[in-house]
């Protein structure tokens, strides 16, 4: 008990961190994958990229060949992805939070190969991988 009192900030941080990990697991946020794993899926398994960022974010730059469905429209446009149900789907947003929610929606709709790009577009650009502004 004395340890907890003396290290309250660290204990609180550990509890918060554990809670966030548990929340992601409960929400069904898809399997988090690195940029390297994503490029492997794109090159070897013809994965489909779905970008759930807002239109102004999409217009600033996105992965080549990505499909754009803003998170606010995701539920109503989910049927557009049915034709890709058998392929791996990589969901992307700015940091990985919105895409986690979209991954949960895809999993509940019966998509089995759903992946969340860890770190989102920020991780992709940090790895100096190609982006485009063309639709």
N, C-alpha and C. Protein backbone atom coordinates (compact mmCIF):
# COMPACT_ATOMS: atom_id res chain seq x y z
N UNK A 1 0.82 -1.19 0.00
CA UNK A 1 0.00 0.00 0.00
C UNK A 1 0.87 1.26 0.00
N UNK A 2 1.97 1.21 0.73
CA UNK A 2 2.87 2.35 0.79
C UNK A 2 3.47 2.63 -0.60
N UNK A 3 3.79 1.54 -1.33
CA UNK A 3 4.34 1.70 -2.68
C UNK A 3 3.36 2.45 -3.58
N UNK A 4 2.10 2.08 -3.50
CA UNK A 4 1.07 2.72 -4.34
C UNK A 4 0.97 4.20 -4.00
N UNK A 5 0.99 4.53 -2.72
CA UNK A 5 0.90 5.93 -2.31
C UNK A 5 2.11 6.74 -2.78
N UNK A 6 3.27 6.16 -2.75
CA UNK A 6 4.47 6.87 -3.14
C UNK A 6 4.63 6.97 -4.66
N UNK A 7 3.98 6.09 -5.38
CA UNK A 7 4.10 6.05 -6.83
C UNK A 7 2.74 6.16 -7.51
N UNK A 8 1.90 7.00 -6.96
CA UNK A 8 0.52 7.13 -7.43
C UNK A 8 0.45 7.47 -8.92
N UNK A 9 1.31 8.35 -9.38
CA UNK A 9 1.28 8.73 -10.79
C UNK A 9 1.58 7.52 -11.68
N UNK A 10 2.60 6.74 -11.32
CA UNK A 10 2.98 5.58 -12.15
C UNK A 10 1.91 4.49 -12.09
N UNK A 11 1.33 4.29 -10.96
CA UNK A 11 0.26 3.30 -10.83
C UNK A 11 -0.95 3.74 -11.66
N UNK A 12 -1.29 5.02 -11.59
CA UNK A 12 -2.40 5.54 -12.39
C UNK A 12 -2.14 5.39 -13.88
N UNK A 13 -0.92 5.65 -14.29
CA UNK A 13 -0.55 5.50 -15.70
C UNK A 13 -0.65 4.05 -16.14
N UNK A 14 -0.22 3.13 -15.30
CA UNK A 14 -0.30 1.70 -15.63
C UNK A 14 -1.75 1.25 -15.75
N UNK A 15 -2.60 1.72 -14.85
CA UNK A 15 -4.03 1.36 -14.89
C UNK A 15 -4.68 1.94 -16.15
N UNK A 16 -4.38 3.19 -16.46
CA UNK A 16 -4.93 3.83 -17.65
C UNK A 16 -4.49 3.10 -18.92
N UNK A 17 -3.21 2.78 -19.00
CA UNK A 17 -2.67 2.08 -20.16
C UNK A 17 -3.32 0.71 -20.32
N UNK A 18 -3.43 -0.01 -19.26
CA UNK A 18 -4.09 -1.33 -19.30
C UNK A 18 -5.55 -1.21 -19.70
N UNK A 19 -6.21 -0.20 -19.21
CA UNK A 19 -7.61 0.03 -19.57
C UNK A 19 -7.78 0.33 -21.04
N UNK A 20 -6.87 1.11 -21.60
CA UNK A 20 -6.94 1.43 -23.03
C UNK A 20 -6.72 0.18 -23.88
N UNK A 21 -5.79 -0.67 -23.48
CA UNK A 21 -5.56 -1.92 -24.21
C UNK A 21 -6.78 -2.83 -24.12
N UNK A 22 -7.37 -2.91 -22.95
CA UNK A 22 -8.57 -3.72 -22.77
C UNK A 22 -9.72 -3.18 -23.61
N UNK A 23 -9.88 -1.88 -23.67
CA UNK A 23 -10.94 -1.25 -24.47
C UNK A 23 -10.78 -1.61 -25.95
N UNK A 24 -9.55 -1.56 -26.47
CA UNK A 24 -9.30 -1.91 -27.86
C UNK A 24 -9.69 -3.36 -28.12
N UNK A 25 -9.38 -4.24 -27.19
CA UNK A 25 -9.70 -5.65 -27.35
C UNK A 25 -11.20 -5.88 -27.34
N UNK A 26 -11.90 -5.24 -26.43
CA UNK A 26 -13.35 -5.39 -26.32
C UNK A 26 -14.04 -4.82 -27.55
N UNK A 27 -13.58 -3.68 -28.04
CA UNK A 27 -14.18 -3.02 -29.19
C UNK A 27 -14.01 -3.79 -30.49
N UNK A 28 -13.07 -4.70 -30.53
CA UNK A 28 -12.83 -5.46 -31.74
C UNK A 28 -12.17 -4.61 -32.81
N UNK A 29 -11.13 -3.91 -32.45
CA UNK A 29 -10.50 -2.96 -33.34
C UNK A 29 -9.60 -3.54 -34.41
N UNK A 30 -9.75 -4.78 -34.78
CA UNK A 30 -8.90 -5.34 -35.82
C UNK A 30 -7.50 -5.59 -35.31
N UNK A 31 -6.75 -6.33 -36.08
CA UNK A 31 -5.38 -6.63 -35.73
C UNK A 31 -4.50 -5.46 -36.14
N UNK A 32 -3.77 -4.91 -35.20
CA UNK A 32 -2.86 -3.82 -35.52
C UNK A 32 -1.66 -4.35 -36.29
N UNK A 33 -1.32 -3.68 -37.38
CA UNK A 33 -0.17 -4.10 -38.16
C UNK A 33 0.75 -2.90 -38.40
N UNK A 34 2.01 -3.20 -38.56
CA UNK A 34 3.01 -2.16 -38.83
C UNK A 34 2.98 -1.78 -40.30
N UNK A 35 3.68 -0.73 -40.63
CA UNK A 35 3.79 -0.30 -42.01
C UNK A 35 4.43 -1.40 -42.85
N UNK A 36 5.43 -2.07 -42.31
CA UNK A 36 6.11 -3.14 -43.03
C UNK A 36 5.14 -4.29 -43.32
N UNK A 37 4.35 -4.68 -42.32
CA UNK A 37 3.38 -5.75 -42.52
C UNK A 37 2.32 -5.33 -43.54
N UNK A 38 1.93 -4.06 -43.51
CA UNK A 38 0.93 -3.56 -44.46
C UNK A 38 1.46 -3.62 -45.89
N UNK A 39 2.71 -3.24 -46.09
CA UNK A 39 3.27 -3.29 -47.45
C UNK A 39 3.38 -4.73 -47.93
N UNK A 40 3.66 -5.64 -47.03
CA UNK A 40 3.69 -7.07 -47.40
C UNK A 40 2.31 -7.54 -47.84
N UNK A 41 1.28 -7.17 -47.09
CA UNK A 41 -0.09 -7.55 -47.47
C UNK A 41 -0.49 -6.93 -48.80
N UNK A 42 -0.10 -5.69 -49.02
CA UNK A 42 -0.42 -5.02 -50.28
C UNK A 42 0.27 -5.69 -51.46
N UNK A 43 1.52 -6.05 -51.30
CA UNK A 43 2.30 -6.61 -52.39
C UNK A 43 2.04 -8.09 -52.64
N UNK A 44 1.82 -8.85 -51.60
CA UNK A 44 1.71 -10.31 -51.75
C UNK A 44 0.28 -10.83 -51.74
N UNK A 45 -0.61 -10.12 -51.07
CA UNK A 45 -1.98 -10.64 -50.94
C UNK A 45 -3.03 -9.70 -51.51
N UNK A 46 -2.59 -8.68 -52.23
CA UNK A 46 -3.50 -7.72 -52.85
C UNK A 46 -4.53 -7.17 -51.86
N UNK A 47 -4.04 -6.74 -50.73
CA UNK A 47 -4.91 -6.17 -49.70
C UNK A 47 -5.57 -4.90 -50.23
N UNK A 48 -6.72 -4.60 -49.65
CA UNK A 48 -7.49 -3.41 -49.99
C UNK A 48 -7.30 -2.40 -48.87
N UNK A 49 -7.01 -1.16 -49.23
CA UNK A 49 -6.84 -0.11 -48.23
C UNK A 49 -8.11 0.74 -48.19
N UNK A 50 -8.63 0.94 -46.99
CA UNK A 50 -9.80 1.80 -46.78
C UNK A 50 -9.37 2.92 -45.84
N UNK A 51 -9.48 4.15 -46.33
CA UNK A 51 -9.09 5.34 -45.57
C UNK A 51 -10.35 5.97 -45.00
N UNK A 52 -10.43 6.08 -43.68
CA UNK A 52 -11.64 6.58 -43.02
C UNK A 52 -11.50 8.02 -42.53
N UNK A 53 -10.46 8.72 -43.00
CA UNK A 53 -10.28 10.12 -42.60
C UNK A 53 -11.30 11.02 -43.29
N UNK A 54 -11.41 12.22 -42.81
CA UNK A 54 -12.32 13.20 -43.40
C UNK A 54 -11.80 13.61 -44.78
N UNK A 55 -12.68 14.17 -45.59
CA UNK A 55 -12.34 14.51 -46.97
C UNK A 55 -11.15 15.45 -47.07
N UNK A 56 -11.08 16.46 -46.20
CA UNK A 56 -9.95 17.39 -46.28
C UNK A 56 -8.62 16.69 -45.96
N UNK A 57 -8.66 15.68 -45.09
CA UNK A 57 -7.45 14.91 -44.78
C UNK A 57 -7.06 14.04 -45.98
N UNK A 58 -8.05 13.39 -46.56
CA UNK A 58 -7.86 12.55 -47.75
C UNK A 58 -7.26 13.38 -48.89
N UNK A 59 -7.82 14.56 -49.11
CA UNK A 59 -7.36 15.43 -50.21
C UNK A 59 -5.90 15.85 -50.04
N UNK A 60 -5.43 15.93 -48.81
CA UNK A 60 -4.05 16.33 -48.54
C UNK A 60 -3.06 15.23 -48.91
N UNK A 61 -3.51 13.99 -49.01
CA UNK A 61 -2.66 12.88 -49.39
C UNK A 61 -3.13 11.58 -48.78
N UNK A 62 -3.07 10.51 -49.57
CA UNK A 62 -3.52 9.19 -49.13
C UNK A 62 -2.71 8.11 -49.83
N UNK A 63 -2.87 6.88 -49.39
CA UNK A 63 -2.17 5.76 -50.00
C UNK A 63 -2.68 5.55 -51.42
N UNK A 64 -1.78 5.22 -52.30
CA UNK A 64 -2.14 4.96 -53.69
C UNK A 64 -3.10 3.77 -53.75
N UNK A 65 -4.22 3.96 -54.46
CA UNK A 65 -5.20 2.89 -54.62
C UNK A 65 -6.18 2.73 -53.48
N UNK A 66 -6.10 3.58 -52.46
CA UNK A 66 -7.00 3.47 -51.30
C UNK A 66 -8.43 3.86 -51.67
N UNK A 67 -9.37 3.29 -50.94
CA UNK A 67 -10.78 3.64 -51.06
C UNK A 67 -11.10 4.60 -49.92
N UNK A 68 -11.83 5.66 -50.21
CA UNK A 68 -12.13 6.65 -49.19
C UNK A 68 -13.58 6.53 -48.74
N UNK A 69 -13.75 6.22 -47.47
CA UNK A 69 -15.07 6.24 -46.84
C UNK A 69 -14.88 6.92 -45.48
N UNK A 70 -15.28 8.17 -45.38
CA UNK A 70 -15.11 8.91 -44.12
C UNK A 70 -15.84 8.18 -42.99
N UNK A 71 -15.27 8.21 -41.81
CA UNK A 71 -15.82 7.49 -40.67
C UNK A 71 -17.28 7.82 -40.42
N UNK A 72 -17.67 9.06 -40.62
CA UNK A 72 -19.06 9.46 -40.41
C UNK A 72 -20.04 8.79 -41.37
N UNK A 73 -19.54 8.29 -42.49
CA UNK A 73 -20.38 7.63 -43.50
C UNK A 73 -20.16 6.12 -43.52
N UNK A 74 -19.29 5.64 -42.67
CA UNK A 74 -18.85 4.25 -42.76
C UNK A 74 -20.00 3.24 -42.68
N UNK A 75 -20.87 3.41 -41.73
CA UNK A 75 -21.98 2.47 -41.56
C UNK A 75 -22.89 2.40 -42.78
N UNK A 76 -23.20 3.54 -43.36
CA UNK A 76 -24.11 3.57 -44.50
C UNK A 76 -23.45 3.14 -45.81
N UNK A 77 -22.12 3.13 -45.86
CA UNK A 77 -21.42 2.76 -47.09
C UNK A 77 -20.66 1.44 -46.98
N UNK A 78 -20.89 0.73 -45.90
CA UNK A 78 -20.21 -0.54 -45.66
C UNK A 78 -20.44 -1.54 -46.79
N UNK A 79 -21.60 -1.50 -47.41
CA UNK A 79 -21.93 -2.44 -48.49
C UNK A 79 -20.98 -2.29 -49.68
N UNK A 80 -20.36 -1.13 -49.86
CA UNK A 80 -19.41 -0.92 -50.95
C UNK A 80 -18.19 -1.82 -50.83
N UNK A 81 -17.95 -2.33 -49.64
CA UNK A 81 -16.77 -3.16 -49.40
C UNK A 81 -17.07 -4.66 -49.49
N UNK A 82 -18.32 -5.03 -49.66
CA UNK A 82 -18.71 -6.45 -49.70
C UNK A 82 -17.91 -7.23 -50.73
N UNK A 83 -17.63 -6.63 -51.88
CA UNK A 83 -16.91 -7.34 -52.94
C UNK A 83 -15.47 -7.67 -52.55
N UNK A 84 -14.98 -7.06 -51.46
CA UNK A 84 -13.62 -7.32 -50.99
C UNK A 84 -13.59 -8.23 -49.76
N UNK A 85 -14.70 -8.87 -49.44
CA UNK A 85 -14.81 -9.65 -48.21
C UNK A 85 -13.75 -10.75 -48.09
N UNK A 86 -13.32 -11.30 -49.20
CA UNK A 86 -12.34 -12.38 -49.15
C UNK A 86 -10.89 -11.92 -49.12
N UNK A 87 -10.67 -10.62 -49.25
CA UNK A 87 -9.31 -10.08 -49.27
C UNK A 87 -8.97 -9.44 -47.92
N UNK A 88 -7.68 -9.34 -47.65
CA UNK A 88 -7.30 -8.59 -46.45
C UNK A 88 -7.66 -7.11 -46.64
N UNK A 89 -8.19 -6.51 -45.60
CA UNK A 89 -8.54 -5.09 -45.64
C UNK A 89 -7.72 -4.36 -44.59
N UNK A 90 -7.01 -3.34 -45.04
CA UNK A 90 -6.21 -2.50 -44.15
C UNK A 90 -6.94 -1.18 -43.99
N UNK A 91 -7.33 -0.86 -42.78
CA UNK A 91 -8.07 0.37 -42.52
C UNK A 91 -7.09 1.41 -41.97
N UNK A 92 -7.19 2.63 -42.51
CA UNK A 92 -6.22 3.68 -42.21
C UNK A 92 -6.94 4.95 -41.78
N UNK A 93 -6.38 5.65 -40.81
CA UNK A 93 -6.81 7.00 -40.46
C UNK A 93 -5.55 7.80 -40.14
N UNK A 94 -5.68 8.89 -39.46
CA UNK A 94 -4.51 9.72 -39.17
C UNK A 94 -3.56 9.05 -38.17
N UNK A 95 -4.13 8.43 -37.12
CA UNK A 95 -3.28 7.88 -36.07
C UNK A 95 -3.58 6.43 -35.69
N UNK A 96 -4.70 5.90 -36.11
CA UNK A 96 -5.07 4.53 -35.77
C UNK A 96 -6.29 4.42 -34.89
N UNK A 97 -6.84 5.54 -34.41
CA UNK A 97 -8.00 5.48 -33.52
C UNK A 97 -9.32 5.30 -34.27
N UNK A 98 -9.59 6.14 -35.26
CA UNK A 98 -10.83 6.01 -36.03
C UNK A 98 -10.84 4.70 -36.80
N UNK A 99 -9.69 4.32 -37.32
CA UNK A 99 -9.62 3.08 -38.08
C UNK A 99 -9.91 1.87 -37.20
N UNK A 100 -9.59 1.95 -35.95
CA UNK A 100 -9.89 0.86 -35.02
C UNK A 100 -11.40 0.65 -34.91
N UNK A 101 -12.12 1.74 -34.83
CA UNK A 101 -13.58 1.67 -34.77
C UNK A 101 -14.15 1.08 -36.06
N UNK A 102 -13.61 1.49 -37.20
CA UNK A 102 -14.06 0.96 -38.49
C UNK A 102 -13.75 -0.54 -38.59
N UNK A 103 -12.61 -0.96 -38.07
CA UNK A 103 -12.25 -2.38 -38.07
C UNK A 103 -13.28 -3.19 -37.29
N UNK A 104 -13.72 -2.63 -36.16
CA UNK A 104 -14.75 -3.30 -35.37
C UNK A 104 -16.04 -3.47 -36.16
N UNK A 105 -16.43 -2.44 -36.92
CA UNK A 105 -17.63 -2.52 -37.75
C UNK A 105 -17.48 -3.58 -38.83
N UNK A 106 -16.32 -3.65 -39.44
CA UNK A 106 -16.07 -4.66 -40.48
C UNK A 106 -16.12 -6.06 -39.89
N UNK A 107 -15.51 -6.24 -38.73
CA UNK A 107 -15.53 -7.57 -38.08
C UNK A 107 -16.95 -8.00 -37.74
N UNK A 108 -17.76 -7.07 -37.25
CA UNK A 108 -19.16 -7.39 -36.93
C UNK A 108 -19.96 -7.70 -38.19
N UNK A 109 -19.53 -7.17 -39.33
CA UNK A 109 -20.22 -7.43 -40.60
C UNK A 109 -19.73 -8.71 -41.28
N UNK A 110 -18.83 -9.42 -40.63
CA UNK A 110 -18.39 -10.71 -41.15
C UNK A 110 -17.08 -10.70 -41.92
N UNK A 111 -16.40 -9.57 -41.97
CA UNK A 111 -15.10 -9.53 -42.62
C UNK A 111 -14.09 -10.18 -41.67
N UNK A 112 -13.30 -11.12 -42.20
CA UNK A 112 -12.40 -11.87 -41.34
C UNK A 112 -10.96 -11.38 -41.34
N UNK A 113 -10.51 -10.82 -42.44
CA UNK A 113 -9.12 -10.37 -42.56
C UNK A 113 -9.07 -8.85 -42.48
N UNK A 114 -9.24 -8.34 -41.27
CA UNK A 114 -9.30 -6.89 -41.06
C UNK A 114 -8.08 -6.45 -40.25
N UNK A 115 -7.40 -5.44 -40.76
CA UNK A 115 -6.17 -4.96 -40.12
C UNK A 115 -6.23 -3.45 -39.94
N UNK A 116 -5.71 -3.00 -38.82
CA UNK A 116 -5.65 -1.58 -38.50
C UNK A 116 -4.19 -1.13 -38.61
N UNK A 117 -3.92 -0.17 -39.50
CA UNK A 117 -2.55 0.32 -39.65
C UNK A 117 -2.13 1.08 -38.40
N UNK A 118 -1.25 0.49 -37.63
CA UNK A 118 -0.76 1.11 -36.39
C UNK A 118 -0.04 2.41 -36.71
N UNK A 119 -0.44 3.48 -36.06
CA UNK A 119 0.18 4.78 -36.29
C UNK A 119 -0.41 5.53 -37.46
N UNK A 120 -1.29 4.88 -38.23
CA UNK A 120 -2.01 5.53 -39.32
C UNK A 120 -1.12 6.15 -40.38
N UNK A 121 -1.65 7.18 -41.02
CA UNK A 121 -0.94 7.88 -42.09
C UNK A 121 0.38 8.45 -41.57
N UNK A 122 0.40 8.86 -40.32
CA UNK A 122 1.63 9.39 -39.75
C UNK A 122 2.77 8.37 -39.82
N UNK A 123 2.49 7.12 -39.51
CA UNK A 123 3.50 6.06 -39.58
C UNK A 123 3.90 5.81 -41.03
N UNK A 124 2.92 5.84 -41.92
CA UNK A 124 3.19 5.61 -43.34
C UNK A 124 4.13 6.68 -43.90
N UNK A 125 3.83 7.95 -43.61
CA UNK A 125 4.68 9.03 -44.14
C UNK A 125 6.04 9.05 -43.46
N UNK A 126 6.09 8.67 -42.19
CA UNK A 126 7.39 8.61 -41.49
C UNK A 126 8.31 7.56 -42.12
N UNK A 127 7.70 6.54 -42.72
CA UNK A 127 8.48 5.49 -43.38
C UNK A 127 8.83 5.89 -44.81
N UNK A 128 8.45 7.11 -45.21
CA UNK A 128 8.75 7.65 -46.54
C UNK A 128 8.16 6.79 -47.66
N UNK A 129 6.96 6.28 -47.43
CA UNK A 129 6.28 5.47 -48.44
C UNK A 129 5.40 6.37 -49.31
N UNK A 130 5.07 5.91 -50.52
CA UNK A 130 4.36 6.77 -51.47
C UNK A 130 2.95 7.15 -51.04
N UNK A 131 2.62 8.39 -51.37
CA UNK A 131 1.29 8.94 -51.15
C UNK A 131 0.88 9.63 -52.44
N UNK A 132 -0.40 9.89 -52.58
CA UNK A 132 -0.91 10.61 -53.74
C UNK A 132 -2.02 11.56 -53.32
N UNK A 133 -2.29 12.54 -54.16
CA UNK A 133 -3.43 13.43 -53.93
C UNK A 133 -4.47 13.20 -55.02
N UNK A 134 -4.22 12.26 -55.91
CA UNK A 134 -5.17 11.93 -56.98
C UNK A 134 -6.23 10.98 -56.45
N UNK A 135 -7.44 11.15 -56.90
CA UNK A 135 -8.54 10.26 -56.45
C UNK A 135 -8.55 8.95 -57.14
